[in-house]
Amino acid sequence: MTREEFVSELAFVFNVAEDSLALETELDSLKAWDSMGILSVITLMRQVGSAAKVDHLRDAKTIGDLVNLAGDKLSNA
């Protein structure tokens, strides 16, 4: 999965338009950044093969932080 596809999946998880998300988008500004949103992001992380911990997700502040947590599991293509 590419970084762009990952952000697209995050848009789906958070029920927002894909073009409304940027790496700088603050998670607290998203209505769906709640316990269910976190569970959905954990599922997405597992789909890409990332072993991000819940504590790391709680510390995430932006979409970019989530992308960074997925790390090298995402391709740049």
Protein backbone atom coordinates (compact mmCIF):
# COMPACT_ATOMS: atom_id res chain seq x y z
CA MET A 1 0.00 0.00 0.00
CA THR A 2 1.31 3.45 -0.85
CA ARG A 3 1.23 6.44 1.47
CA GLU A 4 -1.49 7.97 -0.71
CA GLU A 5 -3.60 4.81 -0.47
CA PHE A 6 -3.07 4.74 3.29
CA VAL A 7 -4.31 8.34 3.63
CA SER A 8 -7.26 7.42 1.39
CA GLU A 9 -8.09 4.56 3.75
CA LEU A 10 -7.80 6.93 6.72
CA ALA A 11 -10.29 9.25 5.01
CA PHE A 12 -12.68 6.31 4.74
CA VAL A 13 -12.12 5.37 8.40
CA PHE A 14 -12.76 8.94 9.52
CA ASN A 15 -15.68 9.40 7.08
CA VAL A 16 -14.23 12.53 5.50
CA ALA A 17 -13.36 13.53 1.95
CA GLU A 18 -9.91 12.35 0.99
CA ASP A 19 -8.91 15.81 -0.17
CA SER A 20 -9.76 17.21 3.27
CA LEU A 21 -6.89 15.27 4.86
CA ALA A 22 -3.30 16.46 4.83
CA LEU A 23 -0.33 15.21 6.79
CA GLU A 24 -0.79 18.26 9.03
CA THR A 25 -4.46 17.50 9.78
CA GLU A 26 -4.88 17.26 13.52
CA LEU A 27 -6.59 14.08 14.65
CA ASP A 28 -8.51 15.94 17.36
CA SER A 29 -10.24 17.91 14.60
CA LEU A 30 -11.83 14.70 13.26
CA LYS A 31 -15.12 13.67 14.83
CA ALA A 32 -14.30 10.00 14.26
CA TRP A 33 -11.01 10.15 16.18
CA ASP A 34 -12.48 8.27 19.10
CA SER A 35 -12.19 4.74 20.48
CA MET A 36 -13.86 3.24 17.41
CA GLY A 37 -11.64 5.32 15.13
CA ILE A 38 -8.56 4.11 16.98
CA LEU A 39 -9.71 0.49 16.61
CA SER A 40 -10.25 1.06 12.89
CA VAL A 41 -6.77 2.56 12.55
CA ILE A 42 -5.29 -0.43 14.42
CA THR A 43 -7.02 -2.71 11.93
CA LEU A 44 -5.66 -0.66 9.04
CA MET A 45 -2.16 -0.74 10.53
CA ARG A 46 -2.35 -4.52 10.79
CA GLN A 47 -3.48 -4.73 7.16
CA VAL A 48 -0.29 -2.97 6.08
CA GLY A 49 1.81 -5.09 8.43
CA SER A 50 2.62 -2.43 11.01
CA ALA A 51 2.88 -3.43 14.64
CA ALA A 52 2.01 0.02 16.00
CA LYS A 53 1.00 -0.08 19.64
CA VAL A 54 -2.15 1.51 21.03
CA ASP A 55 0.01 3.80 23.18
CA HIS A 56 1.71 5.10 20.04
CA LEU A 57 -1.68 5.75 18.43
CA ARG A 58 -2.82 7.66 21.50
CA ASP A 59 0.30 9.82 21.22
CA ALA A 60 -0.37 10.55 17.54
CA LYS A 61 -1.49 14.13 16.91
CA THR A 62 -1.71 14.33 13.12
CA ILE A 63 -2.39 12.25 10.03
CA GLY A 64 1.36 12.47 9.40
CA ASP A 65 2.00 10.82 12.76
CA LEU A 66 -0.18 7.88 11.68
CA VAL A 67 1.65 7.66 8.36
CA ASN A 68 4.95 7.66 10.26
CA LEU A 69 3.71 4.88 12.55
CA ALA A 70 2.95 2.74 9.49
CA GLY A 71 6.53 3.57 8.52
CA ASP A 72 8.41 1.41 6.10
CA LYS A 73 5.35 -0.78 5.55
CA LEU A 74 4.11 1.86 3.09
CA SER A 75 5.66 2.32 -0.31
CA ASN A 76 6.46 5.71 -1.81
CA ALA A 77 5.13 4.78 -5.25
